[in-house]
Amino acid sequence: MTATGVNAQPRFSRPPSSRAEWARAGDALASVAAAVLLVAAVGNAAMEDEYAIAADPAGTKTTSIEASRDPSRVAPRPEWMIAAYGGVPYTYPSDVKFTKPGVHDFTVKDVEWQGMPFINPIYYGVRVLRWFGDGRTGSMLDFTHSKAISDRKQEVRFEGTLNGQPAPEKDLVGNVFRKLEASHGHNMLTLNGLLRLPSFTFRLSPYVGLGAGVSLPHSEVHVATDPSRTYEYQMAGPVGQALVGLEFRFEKMSYFLEYKFTLADYRMPLTGRDGDILFTDVWQQLREWWDGVAPRDGWAETRYTSHQVIGGIGVRLPAGP
């Protein structure tokens, strides 16, 4: 595998690719925002129609619309919320370093990552929230399933040694790797603290949050000259996230739009095996770490820095103070 082989391949300039990626991301973000706003409007109308006419102790009647406009029905309070969401990520290009004693010690520079949020497996997330006291502070356990897939047609630069020889100065990702992605999950599990900001109206409640946790990717890495691929779930390193969102509150349900910034450091053991499910794969990884067993094909390291815009729906349940 030499740089000469690359010369026969079509050249791909990075700026047009980046512009196209940003354009696709912008279109997708606009679609998500419009869809969530439409669902919120329809949900609001539907919930207003569902309120039955209720009699008070004085015998007067309250119409469904009047009941739906009562701020006490939707004001922040101690409560739980179980929610799910979809969204669109953008992950910055990053360097990927490979080490395998006596064989590899090279870095792939500025690998571009594709999110493909609407292609199976899609981008999704689930979360459980708990608001305390007057509903102004809370905590959240958040699981995000994103993706980070290298573009096999991207021409990248190399530094170091590959198979004991100087790595090519430039080559296509697809010439050096059969797989370089986390397509069954650039998965992140975080515990977050939340703070509500002053509301715009009694239905619109902005909030911010900050959290940390662990990356649990499905690593799919295969250097073309290695005998087999690494294809398993792993615990790859720490992750942090910051978020700001807007909650559309109704009597029992909420819709939300949110921006998240995530930072994930990956150190993936290249075991050269196909795994099973998340829990068994991570358990085997922890056992090998405890026993001091080195991964057969070395290590791959990178950092995923991502912007994510999400929209979702949640069901709220009352909780004690």
C-alpha atoms as a PDB file:
ATOM      1  CA  MET A   1       0.000   0.000   0.000  1.00  0.00           C
ATOM      2  CA  THR A   2       1.794   3.068  -1.251  1.00  0.00           C
ATOM      3  CA  ALA A   3       1.081   6.649  -2.093  1.00  0.00           C
ATOM      4  CA  THR A   4       1.588   5.700  -5.769  1.00  0.00           C
ATOM      5  CA  GLY A   5      -1.542   3.592  -5.616  1.00  0.00           C
ATOM      6  CA  VAL A   6      -3.465   6.618  -4.538  1.00  0.00           C
ATOM      7  CA  ASN A   7      -2.459   8.647  -7.572  1.00  0.00           C
ATOM      8  CA  ALA A   8      -4.552   6.381  -9.738  1.00  0.00           C
ATOM      9  CA  GLN A   9      -7.606   7.069  -7.583  1.00  0.00           C
ATOM     10  CA  PRO A  10      -9.952  10.082  -7.910  1.00  0.00           C
ATOM     11  CA  ARG A  11      -9.016  12.979  -5.670  1.00  0.00           C
ATOM     12  CA  PHE A  12     -11.556  14.230  -3.154  1.00  0.00           C
ATOM     13  CA  SER A  13     -11.173  17.776  -1.855  1.00  0.00           C
ATOM     14  CA  ARG A  14     -12.241  18.285   1.736  1.00  0.00           C
ATOM     15  CA  PRO A  15     -13.928  21.704   1.523  1.00  0.00           C
ATOM     16  CA  PRO A  16     -16.763  20.601  -0.849  1.00  0.00           C
ATOM     17  CA  SER A  17     -17.311  17.494   1.286  1.00  0.00           C
ATOM     18  CA  SER A  18     -17.500  19.622   4.412  1.00  0.00           C
ATOM     19  CA  ARG A  19     -19.945  22.049   2.804  1.00  0.00           C
ATOM     20  CA  ALA A  20     -22.159  19.200   1.645  1.00  0.00           C
ATOM     21  CA  GLU A  21     -22.087  17.648   5.098  1.00  0.00           C
ATOM     22  CA  TRP A  22     -23.062  20.945   6.717  1.00  0.00           C
ATOM     23  CA  ALA A  23     -25.851  21.451   4.174  1.00  0.00           C
ATOM     24  CA  ARG A  24     -27.276  17.991   4.880  1.00  0.00           C
ATOM     25  CA  ALA A  25     -27.015  18.614   8.610  1.00  0.00           C
ATOM     26  CA  GLY A  26     -28.769  21.988   8.266  1.00  0.00           C
ATOM     27  CA  ASP A  27     -31.639  20.480   6.285  1.00  0.00           C
ATOM     28  CA  ALA A  28     -32.016  17.689   8.805  1.00  0.00           C
ATOM     29  CA  LEU A  29     -31.955  20.092  11.760  1.00  0.00           C
ATOM     30  CA  ALA A  30     -34.662  22.226  10.198  1.00  0.00           C
ATOM     31  CA  SER A  31     -36.766  19.114   9.574  1.00  0.00           C
ATOM     32  CA  VAL A  32     -36.411  17.948  13.174  1.00  0.00           C
ATOM     33  CA  ALA A  33     -37.329  21.369  14.558  1.00  0.00           C
ATOM     34  CA  ALA A  34     -40.348  21.701  12.273  1.00  0.00           C
ATOM     35  CA  ALA A  35     -41.555  18.186  13.095  1.00  0.00           C
ATOM     36  CA  VAL A  36     -41.314  18.688  16.844  1.00  0.00           C
ATOM     37  CA  LEU A  37     -43.080  22.076  16.687  1.00  0.00           C
ATOM     38  CA  LEU A  38     -45.867  20.524  14.602  1.00  0.00           C
ATOM     39  CA  VAL A  39     -46.249  17.622  17.028  1.00  0.00           C
ATOM     40  CA  ALA A  40     -46.307  20.055  19.930  1.00  0.00           C
ATOM     41  CA  ALA A  41     -49.073  22.116  18.316  1.00  0.00           C
ATOM     42  CA  VAL A  42     -51.159  19.043  17.474  1.00  0.00           C
ATOM     43  CA  GLY A  43     -50.561  17.575  20.922  1.00  0.00           C
ATOM     44  CA  ASN A  44     -51.635  20.815  22.567  1.00  0.00           C
ATOM     45  CA  ALA A  45     -54.903  20.898  20.633  1.00  0.00           C
ATOM     46  CA  ALA A  46     -55.560  17.210  21.305  1.00  0.00           C
ATOM     47  CA  MET A  47     -54.947  17.538  25.017  1.00  0.00           C
ATOM     48  CA  GLU A  48     -57.224  20.547  25.273  1.00  0.00           C
ATOM     49  CA  ASP A  49     -60.033  18.553  23.666  1.00  0.00           C
ATOM     50  CA  GLU A  50     -59.496  15.675  26.089  1.00  0.00           C
ATOM     51  CA  TYR A  51     -60.266  17.719  29.207  1.00  0.00           C
ATOM     52  CA  ALA A  52     -63.756  16.808  30.398  1.00  0.00           C
ATOM     53  CA  ILE A  53     -66.114  19.456  31.684  1.00  0.00           C
ATOM     54  CA  ALA A  54     -65.672  19.417  35.468  1.00  0.00           C
ATOM     55  CA  ALA A  55     -67.951  20.722  38.215  1.00  0.00           C
ATOM     56  CA  ASP A  56     -66.514  22.645  41.161  1.00  0.00           C
ATOM     57  CA  PRO A  57     -68.000  22.677  44.695  1.00  0.00           C
ATOM     58  CA  ALA A  58     -70.098  25.733  43.808  1.00  0.00           C
ATOM     59  CA  GLY A  59     -71.684  23.869  40.918  1.00  0.00           C
ATOM     60  CA  THR A  60     -70.204  26.022  38.148  1.00  0.00           C
ATOM     61  CA  LYS A  61     -68.704  24.531  35.030  1.00  0.00           C
ATOM     62  CA  THR A  62     -65.177  24.877  33.648  1.00  0.00           C
ATOM     63  CA  THR A  63     -64.752  24.317  29.927  1.00  0.00           C
ATOM     64  CA  SER A  64     -61.970  22.132  28.564  1.00  0.00           C
ATOM     65  CA  ILE A  65     -60.170  25.119  27.027  1.00  0.00           C
ATOM     66  CA  GLU A  66     -60.336  27.067  30.273  1.00  0.00           C
ATOM     67  CA  ALA A  67     -58.944  24.074  32.172  1.00  0.00           C
ATOM     68  CA  SER A  68     -56.078  23.710  29.700  1.00  0.00           C
ATOM     69  CA  ARG A  69     -55.095  27.339  30.317  1.00  0.00           C
ATOM     70  CA  ASP A  70     -54.708  26.831  34.049  1.00  0.00           C
ATOM     71  CA  PRO A  71     -50.961  27.354  34.819  1.00  0.00           C
ATOM     72  CA  SER A  72     -51.197  25.159  37.921  1.00  0.00           C
ATOM     73  CA  ARG A  73     -51.739  22.119  35.683  1.00  0.00           C
ATOM     74  CA  VAL A  74     -48.393  22.492  33.903  1.00  0.00           C
ATOM     75  CA  ALA A  75     -46.174  24.507  36.270  1.00  0.00           C
ATOM     76  CA  PRO A  76     -42.769  22.994  37.234  1.00  0.00           C
ATOM     77  CA  ARG A  77     -43.046  20.775  40.311  1.00  0.00           C
ATOM     78  CA  PRO A  78     -41.432  17.694  41.875  1.00  0.00           C
ATOM     79  CA  GLU A  79     -41.882  15.025  39.200  1.00  0.00           C
ATOM     80  CA  TRP A  80     -40.360  12.242  37.143  1.00  0.00           C
ATOM     81  CA  MET A  81     -40.187  12.207  33.371  1.00  0.00           C
ATOM     82  CA  ILE A  82     -39.468   9.271  31.073  1.00  0.00           C
ATOM     83  CA  ALA A  83     -38.590  10.418  27.560  1.00  0.00           C
ATOM     84  CA  ALA A  84     -37.292   9.347  24.154  1.00  0.00           C
ATOM     85  CA  TYR A  85     -35.827  11.438  21.362  1.00  0.00           C
ATOM     86  CA  GLY A  86     -34.293  11.545  17.916  1.00  0.00           C
ATOM     87  CA  GLY A  87     -31.884  14.021  16.437  1.00  0.00           C
ATOM     88  CA  VAL A  88     -29.003  15.014  14.206  1.00  0.00           C
ATOM     89  CA  PRO A  89     -25.296  14.976  15.175  1.00  0.00           C
ATOM     90  CA  TYR A  90     -22.268  16.621  13.654  1.00  0.00           C
ATOM     91  CA  THR A  91     -18.880  15.240  14.708  1.00  0.00           C
ATOM     92  CA  TYR A  92     -15.696  17.166  13.971  1.00  0.00           C
ATOM     93  CA  PRO A  93     -12.852  15.459  12.079  1.00  0.00           C
ATOM     94  CA  SER A  94     -10.279  13.926  14.429  1.00  0.00           C
ATOM     95  CA  ASP A  95      -6.957  12.100  14.411  1.00  0.00           C
ATOM     96  CA  VAL A  96      -6.985   8.339  15.042  1.00  0.00           C
ATOM     97  CA  LYS A  97      -3.845   6.752  16.489  1.00  0.00           C
ATOM     98  CA  PHE A  98      -3.071   3.028  16.121  1.00  0.00           C
ATOM     99  CA  THR A  99      -0.490   1.164  18.169  1.00  0.00           C
ATOM    100  CA  LYS A 100       0.464  -2.503  18.005  1.00  0.00           C
ATOM    101  CA  PRO A 101       3.894  -3.312  19.468  1.00  0.00           C
ATOM    102  CA  GLY A 102       6.364  -4.291  16.757  1.00  0.00           C
ATOM    103  CA  VAL A 103       3.797  -3.818  13.960  1.00  0.00           C
ATOM    104  CA  HIS A 104       1.879  -0.509  13.943  1.00  0.00           C
ATOM    105  CA  ASP A 105       2.512   2.923  15.356  1.00  0.00           C
ATOM    106  CA  PHE A 106       0.758   5.373  13.068  1.00  0.00           C
ATOM    107  CA  THR A 107      -1.730   8.218  13.139  1.00  0.00           C
ATOM    108  CA  VAL A 108      -4.469   8.921  10.609  1.00  0.00           C
ATOM    109  CA  LYS A 109      -4.944  12.686  10.406  1.00  0.00           C
ATOM    110  CA  ASP A 110      -8.285  14.527  10.330  1.00  0.00           C
ATOM    111  CA  VAL A 111     -10.638  11.639   9.655  1.00  0.00           C
ATOM    112  CA  GLU A 112     -14.088  12.951   8.743  1.00  0.00           C
ATOM    113  CA  TRP A 113     -17.019  11.311  10.555  1.00  0.00           C
ATOM    114  CA  GLN A 114     -20.484  10.835   9.107  1.00  0.00           C
ATOM    115  CA  GLY A 115     -23.501  10.667  11.437  1.00  0.00           C
ATOM    116  CA  MET A 116     -26.174   9.310   9.021  1.00  0.00           C
ATOM    117  CA  PRO A 117     -28.877   9.805  11.694  1.00  0.00           C
ATOM    118  CA  PHE A 118     -31.827   8.637   9.579  1.00  0.00           C
ATOM    119  CA  ILE A 119     -30.189   5.480   8.186  1.00  0.00           C
ATOM    120  CA  ASN A 120     -30.576   2.281  10.200  1.00  0.00           C
ATOM    121  CA  PRO A 121     -29.439   2.098  12.936  1.00  0.00           C
ATOM    122  CA  ILE A 122     -30.942   5.560  13.464  1.00  0.00           C
ATOM    123  CA  TYR A 123     -29.913   8.211  15.951  1.00  0.00           C
ATOM    124  CA  TYR A 124     -31.992   7.913  19.145  1.00  0.00           C
ATOM    125  CA  GLY A 125     -31.861   8.467  22.876  1.00  0.00           C
ATOM    126  CA  VAL A 126     -33.747   7.657  26.059  1.00  0.00           C
ATOM    127  CA  ARG A 127     -33.644   9.379  29.435  1.00  0.00           C
ATOM    128  CA  VAL A 128     -35.107   9.434  32.931  1.00  0.00           C
ATOM    129  CA  LEU A 129     -35.381  12.789  34.750  1.00  0.00           C
ATOM    130  CA  ARG A 130     -36.172  13.675  38.347  1.00  0.00           C
ATOM    131  CA  TRP A 131     -37.053  17.257  39.299  1.00  0.00           C
ATOM    132  CA  PHE A 132     -36.743  18.202  42.970  1.00  0.00           C
ATOM    133  CA  GLY A 133     -38.243  20.786  45.328  1.00  0.00           C
ATOM    134  CA  ASP A 134     -40.066  23.466  43.339  1.00  0.00           C
ATOM    135  CA  GLY A 135     -39.054  21.807  40.049  1.00  0.00           C
ATOM    136  CA  ARG A 136     -36.125  24.145  39.399  1.00  0.00           C
ATOM    137  CA  THR A 137     -33.271  21.682  39.920  1.00  0.00           C
ATOM    138  CA  GLY A 138     -33.049  18.092  38.832  1.00  0.00           C
ATOM    139  CA  SER A 139     -30.963  15.148  37.645  1.00  0.00           C
ATOM    140  CA  MET A 140     -31.066  13.040  34.506  1.00  0.00           C
ATOM    141  CA  LEU A 141     -29.732   9.676  33.357  1.00  0.00           C
ATOM    142  CA  ASP A 142     -29.287   9.993  29.605  1.00  0.00           C
ATOM    143  CA  PHE A 143     -28.388   7.354  26.985  1.00  0.00           C
ATOM    144  CA  THR A 144     -27.556   8.490  23.443  1.00  0.00           C
ATOM    145  CA  HIS A 145     -27.071   6.219  20.437  1.00  0.00           C
ATOM    146  CA  SER A 146     -25.212   8.200  17.789  1.00  0.00           C
ATOM    147  CA  LYS A 147     -22.871   7.083  14.984  1.00  0.00           C
ATOM    148  CA  ALA A 148     -19.407   7.995  13.718  1.00  0.00           C
ATOM    149  CA  ILE A 149     -18.564   6.445  10.334  1.00  0.00           C
ATOM    150  CA  SER A 150     -15.445   7.251   8.357  1.00  0.00           C
ATOM    151  CA  ASP A 151     -15.772   8.137   4.672  1.00  0.00           C
ATOM    152  CA  ARG A 152     -13.959   5.353   2.801  1.00  0.00           C
ATOM    153  CA  LYS A 153     -13.406   7.684  -0.173  1.00  0.00           C
ATOM    154  CA  GLN A 154     -11.713  10.393   1.887  1.00  0.00           C
ATOM    155  CA  GLU A 155      -8.027  10.929   1.220  1.00  0.00           C
ATOM    156  CA  VAL A 156      -6.173  11.273   4.530  1.00  0.00           C
ATOM    157  CA  ARG A 157      -2.623  11.862   5.685  1.00  0.00           C
ATOM    158  CA  PHE A 158      -0.616   9.321   7.674  1.00  0.00           C
ATOM    159  CA  GLU A 159       2.258   9.642  10.102  1.00  0.00           C
ATOM    160  CA  GLY A 160       4.331   6.806  11.591  1.00  0.00           C
ATOM    161  CA  THR A 161       4.826   3.145  10.731  1.00  0.00           C
ATOM    162  CA  LEU A 162       2.327   0.664   9.311  1.00  0.00           C
ATOM    163  CA  ASN A 163       3.240  -3.034   9.320  1.00  0.00           C
ATOM    164  CA  GLY A 164       6.767  -2.084  10.334  1.00  0.00           C
ATOM    165  CA  GLN A 165       7.206   0.161   7.289  1.00  0.00           C
ATOM    166  CA  PRO A 166       6.787   3.911   6.862  1.00  0.00           C
ATOM    167  CA  ALA A 167       3.101   4.652   6.423  1.00  0.00           C
ATOM    168  CA  PRO A 168       2.032   6.212   3.113  1.00  0.00           C
ATOM    169  CA  GLU A 169       2.047   9.984   3.154  1.00  0.00           C
ATOM    170  CA  LYS A 170      -1.513   9.947   1.791  1.00  0.00           C
ATOM    171  CA  ASP A 171      -4.062   7.288   0.947  1.00  0.00           C
ATOM    172  CA  LEU A 172      -7.785   6.658   0.867  1.00  0.00           C
ATOM    173  CA  VAL A 173      -9.396   5.464   4.092  1.00  0.00           C
ATOM    174  CA  GLY A 174     -10.864   2.497   2.214  1.00  0.00           C
ATOM    175  CA  ASN A 175      -7.414   1.350   1.049  1.00  0.00           C
ATOM    176  CA  VAL A 176      -6.042   1.053   4.578  1.00  0.00           C
ATOM    177  CA  PHE A 177      -9.169   0.052   6.515  1.00  0.00           C
ATOM    178  CA  ARG A 178     -11.964  -2.358   5.821  1.00  0.00           C
ATOM    179  CA  LYS A 179     -13.813  -0.857   8.799  1.00  0.00           C
ATOM    180  CA  LEU A 180     -13.279   2.315  10.787  1.00  0.00           C
ATOM    181  CA  GLU A 181     -16.490   3.308  12.557  1.00  0.00           C
ATOM    182  CA  ALA A 182     -18.851   3.073  15.488  1.00  0.00           C
ATOM    183  CA  SER A 183     -22.003   2.502  13.425  1.00  0.00           C
ATOM    184  CA  HIS A 184     -23.952   0.360  15.871  1.00  0.00           C
ATOM    185  CA  GLY A 185     -23.378   3.010  18.413  1.00  0.00           C
ATOM    186  CA  HIS A 186     -21.188   5.910  19.334  1.00  0.00           C
ATOM    187  CA  ASN A 187     -23.082   5.246  22.579  1.00  0.00           C
ATOM    188  CA  MET A 188     -22.884   7.602  25.565  1.00  0.00           C
ATOM    189  CA  LEU A 189     -24.325   7.082  29.052  1.00  0.00           C
ATOM    190  CA  THR A 190     -24.237  10.190  31.250  1.00  0.00           C
ATOM    191  CA  LEU A 191     -25.530  11.413  34.607  1.00  0.00           C
ATOM    192  CA  ASN A 192     -26.478  15.092  34.416  1.00  0.00           C
ATOM    193  CA  GLY A 193     -27.444  17.937  36.700  1.00  0.00           C
ATOM    194  CA  LEU A 194     -30.273  20.179  35.444  1.00  0.00           C
ATOM    195  CA  LEU A 195     -31.379  23.740  36.182  1.00  0.00           C
ATOM    196  CA  ARG A 196     -34.562  25.395  34.959  1.00  0.00           C
ATOM    197  CA  LEU A 197     -34.305  28.993  33.782  1.00  0.00           C
ATOM    198  CA  PRO A 198     -37.098  31.582  34.148  1.00  0.00           C
ATOM    199  CA  SER A 199     -40.025  30.557  31.928  1.00  0.00           C
ATOM    200  CA  PHE A 200     -41.190  32.515  28.892  1.00  0.00           C
ATOM    201  CA  THR A 201     -44.800  31.462  29.567  1.00  0.00           C
ATOM    202  CA  PHE A 202     -46.240  28.815  31.838  1.00  0.00           C
ATOM    203  CA  ARG A 203     -45.987  26.305  28.965  1.00  0.00           C
ATOM    204  CA  LEU A 204     -42.455  27.063  27.731  1.00  0.00           C
ATOM    205  CA  SER A 205     -39.720  26.128  30.191  1.00  0.00           C
ATOM    206  CA  PRO A 206     -36.033  26.563  29.245  1.00  0.00           C
ATOM    207  CA  TYR A 207     -33.331  24.571  31.024  1.00  0.00           C
ATOM    208  CA  VAL A 208     -29.599  23.891  31.015  1.00  0.00           C
ATOM    209  CA  GLY A 209     -27.551  20.899  32.104  1.00  0.00           C
ATOM    210  CA  LEU A 210     -24.069  19.507  32.577  1.00  0.00           C
ATOM    211  CA  GLY A 211     -23.039  15.880  32.919  1.00  0.00           C
ATOM    212  CA  ALA A 212     -20.395  13.192  32.637  1.00  0.00           C
ATOM    213  CA  GLY A 213     -20.336   9.483  32.057  1.00  0.00           C
ATOM    214  CA  VAL A 214     -18.859   6.725  29.930  1.00  0.00           C
ATOM    215  CA  SER A 215     -18.636   5.864  26.225  1.00  0.00           C
ATOM    216  CA  LEU A 216     -19.970   2.407  25.329  1.00  0.00           C
ATOM    217  CA  PRO A 217     -19.403   2.174  21.560  1.00  0.00           C
ATOM    218  CA  HIS A 218     -19.841  -0.737  19.256  1.00  0.00           C
ATOM    219  CA  SER A 219     -16.303  -0.567  17.877  1.00  0.00           C
ATOM    220  CA  GLU A 220     -15.919  -1.699  14.274  1.00  0.00           C
ATOM    221  CA  VAL A 221     -12.258  -1.454  13.306  1.00  0.00           C
ATOM    222  CA  HIS A 222     -10.310  -3.546  10.818  1.00  0.00           C
ATOM    223  CA  VAL A 223      -6.901  -2.594   9.467  1.00  0.00           C
ATOM    224  CA  ALA A 224      -6.811  -4.258   6.040  1.00  0.00           C
ATOM    225  CA  THR A 225      -3.597  -6.164   6.800  1.00  0.00           C
ATOM    226  CA  ASP A 226      -4.809  -7.545  10.162  1.00  0.00           C
ATOM    227  CA  PRO A 227      -6.196 -11.093  10.057  1.00  0.00           C
ATOM    228  CA  SER A 228      -9.610 -10.196  11.502  1.00  0.00           C
ATOM    229  CA  ARG A 229     -11.787  -7.305  12.629  1.00  0.00           C
ATOM    230  CA  THR A 230     -12.780  -5.956  16.021  1.00  0.00           C
ATOM    231  CA  TYR A 231     -16.575  -5.936  16.085  1.00  0.00           C
ATOM    232  CA  GLU A 232     -17.914  -5.642  19.630  1.00  0.00           C
ATOM    233  CA  TYR A 233     -19.261  -3.355  22.343  1.00  0.00           C
ATOM    234  CA  GLN A 234     -16.627  -1.776  24.547  1.00  0.00           C
ATOM    235  CA  MET A 235     -16.096   0.640  27.399  1.00  0.00           C
ATOM    236  CA  ALA A 236     -13.905   3.144  25.576  1.00  0.00           C
ATOM    237  CA  GLY A 237     -13.442   6.044  27.980  1.00  0.00           C
ATOM    238  CA  PRO A 238     -15.022   9.087  29.638  1.00  0.00           C
ATOM    239  CA  VAL A 239     -17.591  11.387  28.060  1.00  0.00           C
ATOM    240  CA  GLY A 240     -18.870  14.802  29.068  1.00  0.00           C
ATOM    241  CA  GLN A 241     -21.799  16.816  27.806  1.00  0.00           C
ATOM    242  CA  ALA A 242     -23.399  20.233  28.175  1.00  0.00           C
ATOM    243  CA  LEU A 243     -26.937  20.989  27.044  1.00  0.00           C
ATOM    244  CA  VAL A 244     -29.535  23.716  26.707  1.00  0.00           C
ATOM    245  CA  GLY A 245     -33.156  23.000  25.906  1.00  0.00           C
ATOM    246  CA  LEU A 246     -36.724  24.226  25.722  1.00  0.00           C
ATOM    247  CA  GLU A 247     -39.562  22.145  27.157  1.00  0.00           C
ATOM    248  CA  PHE A 248     -43.150  22.517  25.888  1.00  0.00           C
ATOM    249  CA  ARG A 249     -45.223  21.494  28.917  1.00  0.00           C
ATOM    250  CA  PHE A 250     -48.750  20.113  28.830  1.00  0.00           C
ATOM    251  CA  GLU A 251     -50.835  18.559  31.577  1.00  0.00           C
ATOM    252  CA  LYS A 252     -49.126  15.142  31.611  1.00  0.00           C
ATOM    253  CA  MET A 253     -46.680  15.198  28.713  1.00  0.00           C
ATOM    254  CA  SER A 254     -43.810  17.318  27.466  1.00  0.00           C
ATOM    255  CA  TYR A 255     -42.155  17.919  24.108  1.00  0.00           C
ATOM    256  CA  PHE A 256     -38.623  19.271  24.007  1.00  0.00           C
ATOM    257  CA  LEU A 257     -36.023  20.718  21.669  1.00  0.00           C
ATOM    258  CA  GLU A 258     -32.423  20.571  22.840  1.00  0.00           C
ATOM    259  CA  TYR A 259     -28.849  21.291  21.807  1.00  0.00           C
ATOM    260  CA  LYS A 260     -26.111  19.057  23.240  1.00  0.00           C
ATOM    261  CA  PHE A 261     -22.348  19.377  23.027  1.00  0.00           C
ATOM    262  CA  THR A 262     -20.507  16.122  23.717  1.00  0.00           C
ATOM    263  CA  LEU A 263     -16.831  15.310  24.133  1.00  0.00           C
ATOM    264  CA  ALA A 264     -15.758  11.646  24.193  1.00  0.00           C
ATOM    265  CA  ASP A 265     -12.220  10.274  24.518  1.00  0.00           C
ATOM    266  CA  TYR A 266     -11.901   6.802  22.999  1.00  0.00           C
ATOM    267  CA  ARG A 267      -9.271   4.149  23.693  1.00  0.00           C
ATOM    268  CA  MET A 268     -10.473   0.994  21.974  1.00  0.00           C
ATOM    269  CA  PRO A 269      -8.805  -2.403  22.508  1.00  0.00           C
ATOM    270  CA  LEU A 270      -8.498  -4.106  19.122  1.00  0.00           C
ATOM    271  CA  THR A 271      -9.308  -7.672  20.127  1.00  0.00           C
ATOM    272  CA  GLY A 272      -9.808  -9.061  16.619  1.00  0.00           C
ATOM    273  CA  ARG A 273     -13.067 -10.778  17.499  1.00  0.00           C
ATOM    274  CA  ASP A 274     -16.815 -10.499  16.901  1.00  0.00           C
ATOM    275  CA  GLY A 275     -18.654  -9.789  20.121  1.00  0.00           C
ATOM    276  CA  ASP A 276     -22.102 -10.560  21.444  1.00  0.00           C
ATOM    277  CA  ILE A 277     -24.245  -8.072  23.383  1.00  0.00           C
ATOM    278  CA  LEU A 278     -23.292  -5.002  25.382  1.00  0.00           C
ATOM    279  CA  PHE A 279     -23.195  -6.560  28.841  1.00  0.00           C
ATOM    280  CA  THR A 280     -21.261  -9.707  27.931  1.00  0.00           C
ATOM    281  CA  ASP A 281     -18.784  -7.790  25.740  1.00  0.00           C
ATOM    282  CA  VAL A 282     -18.013  -5.216  28.444  1.00  0.00           C
ATOM    283  CA  TRP A 283     -17.768  -7.924  31.113  1.00  0.00           C
ATOM    284  CA  GLN A 284     -15.195  -9.813  29.003  1.00  0.00           C
ATOM    285  CA  GLN A 285     -13.254  -6.567  28.453  1.00  0.00           C
ATOM    286  CA  LEU A 286     -13.156  -5.898  32.209  1.00  0.00           C
ATOM    287  CA  ARG A 287     -11.975  -9.457  32.935  1.00  0.00           C
ATOM    288  CA  GLU A 288      -9.164  -9.160  30.407  1.00  0.00           C
ATOM    289  CA  TRP A 289      -8.156  -5.798  31.861  1.00  0.00           C
ATOM    290  CA  TRP A 290      -8.122  -7.285  35.364  1.00  0.00           C
ATOM    291  CA  ASP A 291      -6.021 -10.260  34.206  1.00  0.00           C
ATOM    292  CA  GLY A 292      -3.584  -8.008  32.339  1.00  0.00           C
ATOM    293  CA  VAL A 293      -4.403  -9.490  28.922  1.00  0.00           C
ATOM    294  CA  ALA A 294      -3.250  -7.181  26.120  1.00  0.00           C
ATOM    295  CA  PRO A 295      -5.555  -6.832  23.058  1.00  0.00           C
ATOM    296  CA  ARG A 296      -4.272  -8.965  20.201  1.00  0.00           C
ATOM    297  CA  ASP A 297      -4.266  -6.216  17.553  1.00  0.00           C
ATOM    298  CA  GLY A 298      -3.255  -3.289  19.743  1.00  0.00           C
ATOM    299  CA  TRP A 299      -5.173  -0.079  20.406  1.00  0.00           C
ATOM    300  CA  ALA A 300      -7.027   2.651  18.521  1.00  0.00           C
ATOM    301  CA  GLU A 301      -7.451   6.092  20.093  1.00  0.00           C
ATOM    302  CA  THR A 302      -9.402   9.192  19.079  1.00  0.00           C
ATOM    303  CA  ARG A 303     -11.627  11.957  20.417  1.00  0.00           C
ATOM    304  CA  TYR A 304     -15.176  12.553  19.166  1.00  0.00           C
ATOM    305  CA  THR A 305     -16.301  16.168  19.564  1.00  0.00           C
ATOM    306  CA  SER A 306     -19.934  16.583  18.527  1.00  0.00           C
ATOM    307  CA  HIS A 307     -22.805  19.025  18.191  1.00  0.00           C
ATOM    308  CA  GLN A 308     -26.230  17.389  18.494  1.00  0.00           C
ATOM    309  CA  VAL A 309     -29.716  18.817  18.034  1.00  0.00           C
ATOM    310  CA  ILE A 310     -32.519  16.624  19.345  1.00  0.00           C
ATOM    311  CA  GLY A 311     -36.299  16.642  19.643  1.00  0.00           C
ATOM    312  CA  GLY A 312     -38.345  14.316  21.800  1.00  0.00           C
ATOM    313  CA  ILE A 313     -41.414  13.535  23.879  1.00  0.00           C
ATOM    314  CA  GLY A 314     -41.750  12.588  27.527  1.00  0.00           C
ATOM    315  CA  VAL A 315     -44.375  11.404  29.995  1.00  0.00           C
ATOM    316  CA  ARG A 316     -44.365  13.130  33.405  1.00  0.00           C
ATOM    317  CA  LEU A 317     -45.253  11.383  36.647  1.00  0.00           C
ATOM    318  CA  PRO A 318     -45.833  13.070  40.020  1.00  0.00           C
ATOM    319  CA  ALA A 319     -43.195  12.679  42.740  1.00  0.00           C
ATOM    320  CA  GLY A 320     -42.895  13.683  46.359  1.00  0.00           C
ATOM    321  CA  PRO A 321     -40.983  16.807  47.396  1.00  0.00           C
END
